[in-house]
Amino acid sequence: MEKPRNFFSGNLKFLRERRSLTQQGLAEALGLTRSKVNALESGQTKAPSPEDFLGISGYFGISIDSLIRVDLSKLGELKLRELEAGNDVYIRGGNLRVLAISVDKGNNEHVEYVPIKAKAGYMAGYNDPEFIASLPKFSLPNLPKQGTYRIFPIVGDSMLPIPGGSDVVTQYVEDWSSLKADTPCIVILSGQQDFVFKLVTVDPEGMVRLKSLNPLFEPYAVPAGEVLEIWKFHAYTSHQIPEPETDLQQLIRAVKEMQRVVSGWKEGSI
């Protein structure tokens, strides 16, 4: 059996240099000596103490498991910011982005429905198994066997021609960087009482860009650290038949597209 690699020493040096710290500066921040930091970075300390692991993990906001198991220098800036924000796939518990699910007697995952009245509660209970277990549950036909699915109701007309009042069936996205540009998704944002349904683009700078299908709504961006969950669009159900785009809507869309093109030309000419 191949012995797993330990990336701790290299990761410590990488994280220190990423913050433009000297060994002395890091030592003072951690309450250690400079020689101790040097020994940790060079691998001379083969078995760092639990206190050393806890102090370094807390200071950089990276889990101990990731400090040891993952070569952080190989990750992009977006993933590093996700790890620092607590979105760590290598450990479980606490305030981390851990997906809570419910299952039936056959250990098959339910498809939970988040009704409008539960929206505010979802922001606080999205990773609470008891809260998720209290949501209405459904078994939908023709869903792929792989993946976790959840249903969210949408309000408003920012995603027309998908009308407000529709129920959107979504698939949980674990790796946000795998999303293609302008993927329709339900996005759960921290500090808000609602979730949003938008076209999502995650850029390498650590920003999540949100755009509406309806051209009357301006796009905007939020830091990845403010995103709790992303659920990719799979299907939707509605009591309304989507109406064709009106002449005015077509005109507004054309004008906005022309504005974006002109803006791009101006930026390119600077």
C-alpha atoms as a PDB file:
ATOM      1  CA  MET A   1       0.000   0.000   0.000  1.00  0.00           C
ATOM      2  CA  GLU A   2       1.395   3.381  -1.037  1.00  0.00           C
ATOM      3  CA  LYS A   3       2.138   5.711   1.866  1.00  0.00           C
ATOM      4  CA  PRO A   4       0.048   8.919   1.652  1.00  0.00           C
ATOM      5  CA  ARG A   5       2.015  12.115   1.113  1.00  0.00           C
ATOM      6  CA  ASN A   6       2.231  14.765   3.816  1.00  0.00           C
ATOM      7  CA  PHE A   7       2.134  18.306   2.389  1.00  0.00           C
ATOM      8  CA  PHE A   8       2.183  20.157   5.721  1.00  0.00           C
ATOM      9  CA  SER A   9       5.695  21.631   5.518  1.00  0.00           C
ATOM     10  CA  GLY A  10       5.318  22.917   1.979  1.00  0.00           C
ATOM     11  CA  ASN A  11       1.824  24.215   2.690  1.00  0.00           C
ATOM     12  CA  LEU A  12       3.010  26.190   5.703  1.00  0.00           C
ATOM     13  CA  LYS A  13       5.675  27.939   3.627  1.00  0.00           C
ATOM     14  CA  PHE A  14       3.224  28.501   0.764  1.00  0.00           C
ATOM     15  CA  LEU A  15       0.591  30.077   3.032  1.00  0.00           C
ATOM     16  CA  ARG A  16       3.162  32.252   4.789  1.00  0.00           C
ATOM     17  CA  GLU A  17       4.556  33.599   1.518  1.00  0.00           C
ATOM     18  CA  ARG A  18       1.031  34.067   0.141  1.00  0.00           C
ATOM     19  CA  ARG A  19       0.439  36.544   2.985  1.00  0.00           C
ATOM     20  CA  SER A  20       3.863  38.142   2.427  1.00  0.00           C
ATOM     21  CA  LEU A  21       5.024  37.185   5.924  1.00  0.00           C
ATOM     22  CA  THR A  22       8.562  36.518   7.056  1.00  0.00           C
ATOM     23  CA  GLN A  23       9.266  33.526   9.283  1.00  0.00           C
ATOM     24  CA  GLN A  24       9.731  35.967  12.152  1.00  0.00           C
ATOM     25  CA  GLY A  25       6.405  37.647  11.413  1.00  0.00           C
ATOM     26  CA  LEU A  26       4.558  34.340  11.352  1.00  0.00           C
ATOM     27  CA  ALA A  27       6.327  33.191  14.499  1.00  0.00           C
ATOM     28  CA  GLU A  28       5.154  36.309  16.352  1.00  0.00           C
ATOM     29  CA  ALA A  29       1.585  35.848  15.095  1.00  0.00           C
ATOM     30  CA  LEU A  30       1.536  32.217  16.279  1.00  0.00           C
ATOM     31  CA  GLY A  31       3.446  32.714  19.503  1.00  0.00           C
ATOM     32  CA  LEU A  32       6.338  30.551  18.311  1.00  0.00           C
ATOM     33  CA  THR A  33      10.046  31.107  17.769  1.00  0.00           C
ATOM     34  CA  ARG A  34      11.438  31.763  14.309  1.00  0.00           C
ATOM     35  CA  SER A  35      13.554  28.605  14.571  1.00  0.00           C
ATOM     36  CA  LYS A  36      10.396  26.592  15.317  1.00  0.00           C
ATOM     37  CA  VAL A  37       8.684  27.975  12.195  1.00  0.00           C
ATOM     38  CA  ASN A  38      11.793  27.223  10.142  1.00  0.00           C
ATOM     39  CA  ALA A  39      11.873  23.652  11.469  1.00  0.00           C
ATOM     40  CA  LEU A  40       8.178  23.176  10.615  1.00  0.00           C
ATOM     41  CA  GLU A  41       8.648  24.529   7.087  1.00  0.00           C
ATOM     42  CA  SER A  42      11.772  22.497   6.392  1.00  0.00           C
ATOM     43  CA  GLY A  43      10.237  19.275   7.678  1.00  0.00           C
ATOM     44  CA  GLN A  44      12.781  18.937  10.462  1.00  0.00           C
ATOM     45  CA  THR A  45       9.898  18.599  12.921  1.00  0.00           C
ATOM     46  CA  LYS A  46       8.514  15.204  11.909  1.00  0.00           C
ATOM     47  CA  ALA A  47       5.645  15.199  14.384  1.00  0.00           C
ATOM     48  CA  PRO A  48       4.325  18.718  15.065  1.00  0.00           C
ATOM     49  CA  SER A  49       2.344  18.996  18.272  1.00  0.00           C
ATOM     50  CA  PRO A  50      -1.479  19.200  18.238  1.00  0.00           C
ATOM     51  CA  GLU A  51      -1.142  22.775  19.494  1.00  0.00           C
ATOM     52  CA  ASP A  52       1.003  23.661  16.459  1.00  0.00           C
ATOM     53  CA  PHE A  53      -1.560  22.163  14.071  1.00  0.00           C
ATOM     54  CA  LEU A  54      -4.459  23.937  15.784  1.00  0.00           C
ATOM     55  CA  GLY A  55      -2.683  27.290  15.874  1.00  0.00           C
ATOM     56  CA  ILE A  56      -1.653  27.196  12.221  1.00  0.00           C
ATOM     57  CA  SER A  57      -5.070  25.917  11.102  1.00  0.00           C
ATOM     58  CA  GLY A  58      -6.862  28.660  13.014  1.00  0.00           C
ATOM     59  CA  TYR A  59      -4.537  31.417  11.814  1.00  0.00           C
ATOM     60  CA  PHE A  60      -4.834  30.604   8.100  1.00  0.00           C
ATOM     61  CA  GLY A  61      -8.439  29.365   8.206  1.00  0.00           C
ATOM     62  CA  ILE A  62      -7.518  26.047   6.577  1.00  0.00           C
ATOM     63  CA  SER A  63      -8.493  22.685   8.083  1.00  0.00           C
ATOM     64  CA  ILE A  64      -5.788  20.483   9.568  1.00  0.00           C
ATOM     65  CA  ASP A  65      -6.785  17.713   7.164  1.00  0.00           C
ATOM     66  CA  SER A  66      -6.245  19.967   4.155  1.00  0.00           C
ATOM     67  CA  LEU A  67      -2.964  21.294   5.561  1.00  0.00           C
ATOM     68  CA  ILE A  68      -1.677  17.723   5.618  1.00  0.00           C
ATOM     69  CA  ARG A  69      -3.379  15.984   2.692  1.00  0.00           C
ATOM     70  CA  VAL A  70      -3.684  18.648  -0.033  1.00  0.00           C
ATOM     71  CA  ASP A  71      -0.931  20.398  -1.989  1.00  0.00           C
ATOM     72  CA  LEU A  72      -2.381  23.892  -1.621  1.00  0.00           C
ATOM     73  CA  SER A  73       0.076  25.373  -4.109  1.00  0.00           C
ATOM     74  CA  LYS A  74      -1.652  23.407  -6.867  1.00  0.00           C
ATOM     75  CA  LEU A  75      -5.062  24.970  -6.131  1.00  0.00           C
ATOM     76  CA  GLY A  76      -6.363  28.102  -7.806  1.00  0.00           C
ATOM     77  CA  GLU A  77      -7.106  31.283  -5.873  1.00  0.00           C
ATOM     78  CA  LEU A  78     -10.862  30.594  -5.991  1.00  0.00           C
ATOM     79  CA  LYS A  79     -10.486  27.207  -4.301  1.00  0.00           C
ATOM     80  CA  LEU A  80      -8.147  28.641  -1.696  1.00  0.00           C
ATOM     81  CA  ARG A  81     -10.694  31.322  -0.848  1.00  0.00           C
ATOM     82  CA  GLU A  82     -13.386  28.658  -0.609  1.00  0.00           C
ATOM     83  CA  LEU A  83     -11.249  26.717   1.865  1.00  0.00           C
ATOM     84  CA  GLU A  84     -10.635  29.868   3.911  1.00  0.00           C
ATOM     85  CA  ALA A  85     -14.388  30.576   3.903  1.00  0.00           C
ATOM     86  CA  GLY A  86     -15.046  27.141   5.415  1.00  0.00           C
ATOM     87  CA  ASN A  87     -16.063  25.381   2.185  1.00  0.00           C
ATOM     88  CA  ASP A  88     -13.741  22.464   2.835  1.00  0.00           C
ATOM     89  CA  VAL A  89     -14.562  19.101   1.275  1.00  0.00           C
ATOM     90  CA  TYR A  90     -11.905  17.299   3.309  1.00  0.00           C
ATOM     91  CA  ILE A  91     -13.479  17.639   6.752  1.00  0.00           C
ATOM     92  CA  ARG A  92     -17.005  17.566   8.230  1.00  0.00           C
ATOM     93  CA  GLY A  93     -18.921  19.453  10.886  1.00  0.00           C
ATOM     94  CA  GLY A  94     -19.406  22.857  12.472  1.00  0.00           C
ATOM     95  CA  ASN A  95     -19.799  25.830  10.193  1.00  0.00           C
ATOM     96  CA  LEU A  96     -18.502  24.078   7.085  1.00  0.00           C
ATOM     97  CA  ARG A  97     -20.504  23.645   3.871  1.00  0.00           C
ATOM     98  CA  VAL A  98     -21.733  20.135   4.604  1.00  0.00           C
ATOM     99  CA  LEU A  99     -24.768  18.884   2.726  1.00  0.00           C
ATOM    100  CA  ALA A 100     -27.503  17.536   4.972  1.00  0.00           C
ATOM    101  CA  ILE A 101     -29.831  15.022   3.319  1.00  0.00           C
ATOM    102  CA  SER A 102     -32.699  12.712   4.267  1.00  0.00           C
ATOM    103  CA  VAL A 103     -33.256   9.149   3.080  1.00  0.00           C
ATOM    104  CA  ASP A 104     -36.110   6.648   2.948  1.00  0.00           C
ATOM    105  CA  LYS A 105     -36.179   3.190   4.536  1.00  0.00           C
ATOM    106  CA  GLY A 106     -34.248   1.813   1.569  1.00  0.00           C
ATOM    107  CA  ASN A 107     -31.488   4.400   2.130  1.00  0.00           C
ATOM    108  CA  ASN A 108     -32.472   6.250  -1.065  1.00  0.00           C
ATOM    109  CA  GLU A 109     -32.188  10.028  -0.957  1.00  0.00           C
ATOM    110  CA  HIS A 110     -35.384  12.031  -0.816  1.00  0.00           C
ATOM    111  CA  VAL A 111     -35.970  15.073  -3.007  1.00  0.00           C
ATOM    112  CA  GLU A 112     -36.771  17.748  -0.429  1.00  0.00           C
ATOM    113  CA  TYR A 113     -39.013  20.692  -1.242  1.00  0.00           C
ATOM    114  CA  VAL A 114     -38.253  24.092   0.319  1.00  0.00           C
ATOM    115  CA  PRO A 115     -41.616  25.901   0.492  1.00  0.00           C
ATOM    116  CA  ILE A 116     -41.768  29.703   0.444  1.00  0.00           C
ATOM    117  CA  LYS A 117     -42.590  29.834   4.159  1.00  0.00           C
ATOM    118  CA  ALA A 118     -39.367  27.904   4.910  1.00  0.00           C
ATOM    119  CA  LYS A 119     -37.044  30.155   2.891  1.00  0.00           C
ATOM    120  CA  ALA A 120     -35.795  32.195   5.842  1.00  0.00           C
ATOM    121  CA  GLY A 121     -35.334  29.060   7.915  1.00  0.00           C
ATOM    122  CA  TYR A 122     -33.325  27.412   5.150  1.00  0.00           C
ATOM    123  CA  MET A 123     -30.560  30.019   5.472  1.00  0.00           C
ATOM    124  CA  ALA A 124     -30.029  28.968   9.083  1.00  0.00           C
ATOM    125  CA  GLY A 125     -30.826  25.273   8.755  1.00  0.00           C
ATOM    126  CA  TYR A 126     -29.370  24.306   5.370  1.00  0.00           C
ATOM    127  CA  ASN A 127     -26.740  22.109   7.056  1.00  0.00           C
ATOM    128  CA  ASP A 128     -28.957  20.936   9.930  1.00  0.00           C
ATOM    129  CA  PRO A 129     -30.125  17.329   9.360  1.00  0.00           C
ATOM    130  CA  GLU A 130     -33.158  17.858  11.614  1.00  0.00           C
ATOM    131  CA  PHE A 131     -34.309  20.899   9.634  1.00  0.00           C
ATOM    132  CA  ILE A 132     -33.799  19.125   6.300  1.00  0.00           C
ATOM    133  CA  ALA A 133     -35.681  16.096   7.614  1.00  0.00           C
ATOM    134  CA  SER A 134     -38.642  18.365   8.460  1.00  0.00           C
ATOM    135  CA  LEU A 135     -39.044  19.543   4.843  1.00  0.00           C
ATOM    136  CA  PRO A 136     -41.675  17.995   2.538  1.00  0.00           C
ATOM    137  CA  LYS A 137     -40.217  15.061   0.589  1.00  0.00           C
ATOM    138  CA  PHE A 138     -40.917  13.702  -2.871  1.00  0.00           C
ATOM    139  CA  SER A 139     -39.817  10.906  -5.166  1.00  0.00           C
ATOM    140  CA  LEU A 140     -39.528  12.188  -8.714  1.00  0.00           C
ATOM    141  CA  PRO A 141     -39.395   9.940 -11.802  1.00  0.00           C
ATOM    142  CA  ASN A 142     -36.629  10.039 -14.394  1.00  0.00           C
ATOM    143  CA  LEU A 143     -34.015  11.702 -12.202  1.00  0.00           C
ATOM    144  CA  PRO A 144     -30.427  10.524 -12.781  1.00  0.00           C
ATOM    145  CA  LYS A 145     -29.264   7.988 -10.226  1.00  0.00           C
ATOM    146  CA  GLN A 146     -26.220  10.041  -9.322  1.00  0.00           C
ATOM    147  CA  GLY A 147     -26.519  13.342  -7.510  1.00  0.00           C
ATOM    148  CA  THR A 148     -28.605  15.004  -4.829  1.00  0.00           C
ATOM    149  CA  TYR A 149     -31.721  16.928  -5.841  1.00  0.00           C
ATOM    150  CA  ARG A 150     -33.867  19.572  -4.164  1.00  0.00           C
ATOM    151  CA  ILE A 151     -36.863  21.654  -5.243  1.00  0.00           C
ATOM    152  CA  PHE A 152     -37.025  25.422  -4.744  1.00  0.00           C
ATOM    153  CA  PRO A 153     -39.938  27.754  -5.569  1.00  0.00           C
ATOM    154  CA  ILE A 154     -39.050  31.000  -7.341  1.00  0.00           C
ATOM    155  CA  VAL A 155     -40.777  34.368  -7.188  1.00  0.00           C
ATOM    156  CA  GLY A 156     -40.590  37.436  -9.391  1.00  0.00           C
ATOM    157  CA  ASP A 157     -39.877  37.764 -13.079  1.00  0.00           C
ATOM    158  CA  SER A 158     -36.087  38.089 -13.202  1.00  0.00           C
ATOM    159  CA  MET A 159     -35.788  34.740 -15.001  1.00  0.00           C
ATOM    160  CA  LEU A 160     -38.604  35.114 -17.525  1.00  0.00           C
ATOM    161  CA  PRO A 161     -39.687  33.245 -19.608  1.00  0.00           C
ATOM    162  CA  ILE A 162     -39.537  30.904 -16.574  1.00  0.00           C
ATOM    163  CA  PRO A 163     -42.407  32.487 -14.614  1.00  0.00           C
ATOM    164  CA  GLY A 164     -42.462  33.371 -10.946  1.00  0.00           C
ATOM    165  CA  GLY A 165     -44.291  30.758  -8.917  1.00  0.00           C
ATOM    166  CA  SER A 166     -42.520  27.914 -10.704  1.00  0.00           C
ATOM    167  CA  ASP A 167     -40.925  25.070  -8.762  1.00  0.00           C
ATOM    168  CA  VAL A 168     -37.344  24.502  -9.897  1.00  0.00           C
ATOM    169  CA  VAL A 169     -35.809  21.030  -9.593  1.00  0.00           C
ATOM    170  CA  THR A 170     -32.082  21.360  -8.974  1.00  0.00           C
ATOM    171  CA  GLN A 171     -28.964  19.241  -8.495  1.00  0.00           C
ATOM    172  CA  TYR A 172     -26.430  20.008  -5.777  1.00  0.00           C
ATOM    173  CA  VAL A 173     -23.080  21.362  -7.025  1.00  0.00           C
ATOM    174  CA  GLU A 174     -20.147  20.299  -4.866  1.00  0.00           C
ATOM    175  CA  ASP A 175     -17.351  21.708  -7.021  1.00  0.00           C
ATOM    176  CA  TRP A 176     -18.342  25.229  -8.033  1.00  0.00           C
ATOM    177  CA  SER A 177     -15.376  25.558 -10.384  1.00  0.00           C
ATOM    178  CA  SER A 178     -16.906  22.803 -12.548  1.00  0.00           C
ATOM    179  CA  LEU A 179     -19.811  25.042 -13.562  1.00  0.00           C
ATOM    180  CA  LYS A 180     -19.838  26.321 -17.125  1.00  0.00           C
ATOM    181  CA  ALA A 181     -20.382  30.035 -17.645  1.00  0.00           C
ATOM    182  CA  ASP A 182     -24.005  31.185 -17.317  1.00  0.00           C
ATOM    183  CA  THR A 183     -25.316  27.955 -15.835  1.00  0.00           C
ATOM    184  CA  PRO A 184     -28.826  28.489 -14.420  1.00  0.00           C
ATOM    185  CA  CYS A 185     -28.712  27.803 -10.675  1.00  0.00           C
ATOM    186  CA  ILE A 186     -30.385  28.411  -7.367  1.00  0.00           C
ATOM    187  CA  VAL A 187     -27.828  30.227  -5.189  1.00  0.00           C
ATOM    188  CA  ILE A 188     -28.065  30.281  -1.395  1.00  0.00           C
ATOM    189  CA  LEU A 189     -26.418  33.449  -0.063  1.00  0.00           C
ATOM    190  CA  SER A 190     -25.386  34.141   3.519  1.00  0.00           C
ATOM    191  CA  GLY A 191     -27.007  37.050   5.321  1.00  0.00           C
ATOM    192  CA  GLN A 192     -30.134  36.981   3.145  1.00  0.00           C
ATOM    193  CA  GLN A 193     -33.655  35.788   3.826  1.00  0.00           C
ATOM    194  CA  ASP A 194     -34.137  34.516   0.286  1.00  0.00           C
ATOM    195  CA  PHE A 195     -32.308  32.536  -2.371  1.00  0.00           C
ATOM    196  CA  VAL A 196     -31.838  33.660  -5.954  1.00  0.00           C
ATOM    197  CA  PHE A 197     -32.336  31.957  -9.309  1.00  0.00           C
ATOM    198  CA  LYS A 198     -29.732  33.255 -11.752  1.00  0.00           C
ATOM    199  CA  LEU A 199     -27.308  32.397 -14.522  1.00  0.00           C
ATOM    200  CA  VAL A 200     -24.108  31.699 -12.611  1.00  0.00           C
ATOM    201  CA  THR A 201     -20.486  32.186 -13.618  1.00  0.00           C
ATOM    202  CA  VAL A 202     -17.694  31.489 -11.110  1.00  0.00           C
ATOM    203  CA  ASP A 203     -14.530  33.341 -12.075  1.00  0.00           C
ATOM    204  CA  PRO A 204     -10.925  32.617 -11.015  1.00  0.00           C
ATOM    205  CA  GLU A 205     -10.780  35.836  -8.961  1.00  0.00           C
ATOM    206  CA  GLY A 206     -13.140  34.362  -6.394  1.00  0.00           C
ATOM    207  CA  MET A 207     -16.313  36.150  -7.490  1.00  0.00           C
ATOM    208  CA  VAL A 208     -19.646  34.526  -8.324  1.00  0.00           C
ATOM    209  CA  ARG A 209     -21.366  36.482 -11.103  1.00  0.00           C
ATOM    210  CA  LEU A 210     -25.160  36.388 -11.221  1.00  0.00           C
ATOM    211  CA  LYS A 211     -27.195  37.305 -14.282  1.00  0.00           C
ATOM    212  CA  SER A 212     -30.925  37.220 -15.020  1.00  0.00           C
ATOM    213  CA  LEU A 213     -32.577  35.909 -18.171  1.00  0.00           C
ATOM    214  CA  ASN A 214     -34.794  38.987 -18.071  1.00  0.00           C
ATOM    215  CA  PRO A 215     -32.744  41.876 -19.552  1.00  0.00           C
ATOM    216  CA  LEU A 216     -34.530  44.398 -17.323  1.00  0.00           C
ATOM    217  CA  PHE A 217     -32.480  43.122 -14.359  1.00  0.00           C
ATOM    218  CA  GLU A 218     -28.841  44.164 -14.081  1.00  0.00           C
ATOM    219  CA  PRO A 219     -26.200  41.480 -13.409  1.00  0.00           C
ATOM    220  CA  TYR A 220     -24.156  41.637 -10.221  1.00  0.00           C
ATOM    221  CA  ALA A 221     -21.420  39.696  -8.420  1.00  0.00           C
ATOM    222  CA  VAL A 222     -20.817  38.430  -4.883  1.00  0.00           C
ATOM    223  CA  PRO A 223     -17.654  37.001  -3.273  1.00  0.00           C
ATOM    224  CA  ALA A 224     -17.524  33.201  -3.205  1.00  0.00           C
ATOM    225  CA  GLY A 225     -17.259  33.365   0.576  1.00  0.00           C
ATOM    226  CA  GLU A 226     -20.836  34.721   0.750  1.00  0.00           C
ATOM    227  CA  VAL A 227     -22.246  31.712  -1.113  1.00  0.00           C
ATOM    228  CA  LEU A 228     -23.517  28.867   1.063  1.00  0.00           C
ATOM    229  CA  GLU A 229     -24.745  26.460  -1.610  1.00  0.00           C
ATOM    230  CA  ILE A 230     -25.243  26.265  -5.376  1.00  0.00           C
ATOM    231  CA  TRP A 231     -27.911  24.030  -6.951  1.00  0.00           C
ATOM    232  CA  LYS A 232     -27.812  23.548 -10.734  1.00  0.00           C
ATOM    233  CA  PHE A 233     -31.065  23.779 -12.710  1.00  0.00           C
ATOM    234  CA  HIS A 234     -32.473  20.446 -13.851  1.00  0.00           C
ATOM    235  CA  ALA A 235     -36.139  21.106 -14.665  1.00  0.00           C
ATOM    236  CA  TYR A 236     -39.102  23.193 -13.596  1.00  0.00           C
ATOM    237  CA  THR A 237     -42.852  22.852 -13.214  1.00  0.00           C
ATOM    238  CA  SER A 238     -45.348  25.670 -13.566  1.00  0.00           C
ATOM    239  CA  HIS A 239     -49.080  26.325 -13.765  1.00  0.00           C
ATOM    240  CA  GLN A 240     -48.393  28.940 -16.442  1.00  0.00           C
ATOM    241  CA  ILE A 241     -47.518  28.512 -20.079  1.00  0.00           C
ATOM    242  CA  PRO A 242     -44.489  30.740 -20.865  1.00  0.00           C
ATOM    243  CA  GLU A 243     -45.504  33.720 -22.958  1.00  0.00           C
ATOM    244  CA  PRO A 244     -43.482  34.705 -26.024  1.00  0.00           C
ATOM    245  CA  GLU A 245     -41.176  37.678 -25.677  1.00  0.00           C
ATOM    246  CA  THR A 246     -42.915  40.964 -26.490  1.00  0.00           C
ATOM    247  CA  ASP A 247     -41.602  43.452 -29.035  1.00  0.00           C
ATOM    248  CA  LEU A 248     -40.676  45.802 -26.187  1.00  0.00           C
ATOM    249  CA  GLN A 249     -38.729  43.097 -24.382  1.00  0.00           C
ATOM    250  CA  GLN A 250     -36.901  42.215 -27.605  1.00  0.00           C
ATOM    251  CA  LEU A 251     -36.038  45.896 -28.107  1.00  0.00           C
ATOM    252  CA  ILE A 252     -34.784  46.284 -24.519  1.00  0.00           C
ATOM    253  CA  ARG A 253     -32.684  43.142 -24.844  1.00  0.00           C
ATOM    254  CA  ALA A 254     -31.170  44.399 -28.127  1.00  0.00           C
ATOM    255  CA  VAL A 255     -30.379  47.809 -26.603  1.00  0.00           C
ATOM    256  CA  LYS A 256     -28.727  46.250 -23.545  1.00  0.00           C
ATOM    257  CA  GLU A 257     -26.681  43.944 -25.742  1.00  0.00           C
ATOM    258  CA  MET A 258     -25.559  46.930 -27.824  1.00  0.00           C
ATOM    259  CA  GLN A 259     -24.617  48.775 -24.615  1.00  0.00           C
ATOM    260  CA  ARG A 260     -22.486  45.827 -23.506  1.00  0.00           C
ATOM    261  CA  VAL A 261     -20.730  45.709 -26.880  1.00  0.00           C
ATOM    262  CA  VAL A 262     -20.042  49.459 -26.847  1.00  0.00           C
ATOM    263  CA  SER A 263     -18.801  49.234 -23.265  1.00  0.00           C
ATOM    264  CA  GLY A 264     -16.440  46.438 -24.306  1.00  0.00           C
ATOM    265  CA  TRP A 265     -15.083  48.542 -27.143  1.00  0.00           C
ATOM    266  CA  LYS A 266     -14.434  51.484 -24.798  1.00  0.00           C
ATOM    267  CA  GLU A 267     -12.621  49.302 -22.279  1.00  0.00           C
ATOM    268  CA  GLY A 268     -10.509  47.797 -25.039  1.00  0.00           C
ATOM    269  CA  SER A 269      -9.534  51.192 -26.359  1.00  0.00           C
ATOM    270  CA  ILE A 270      -8.185  52.474 -23.061  1.00  0.00           C
END
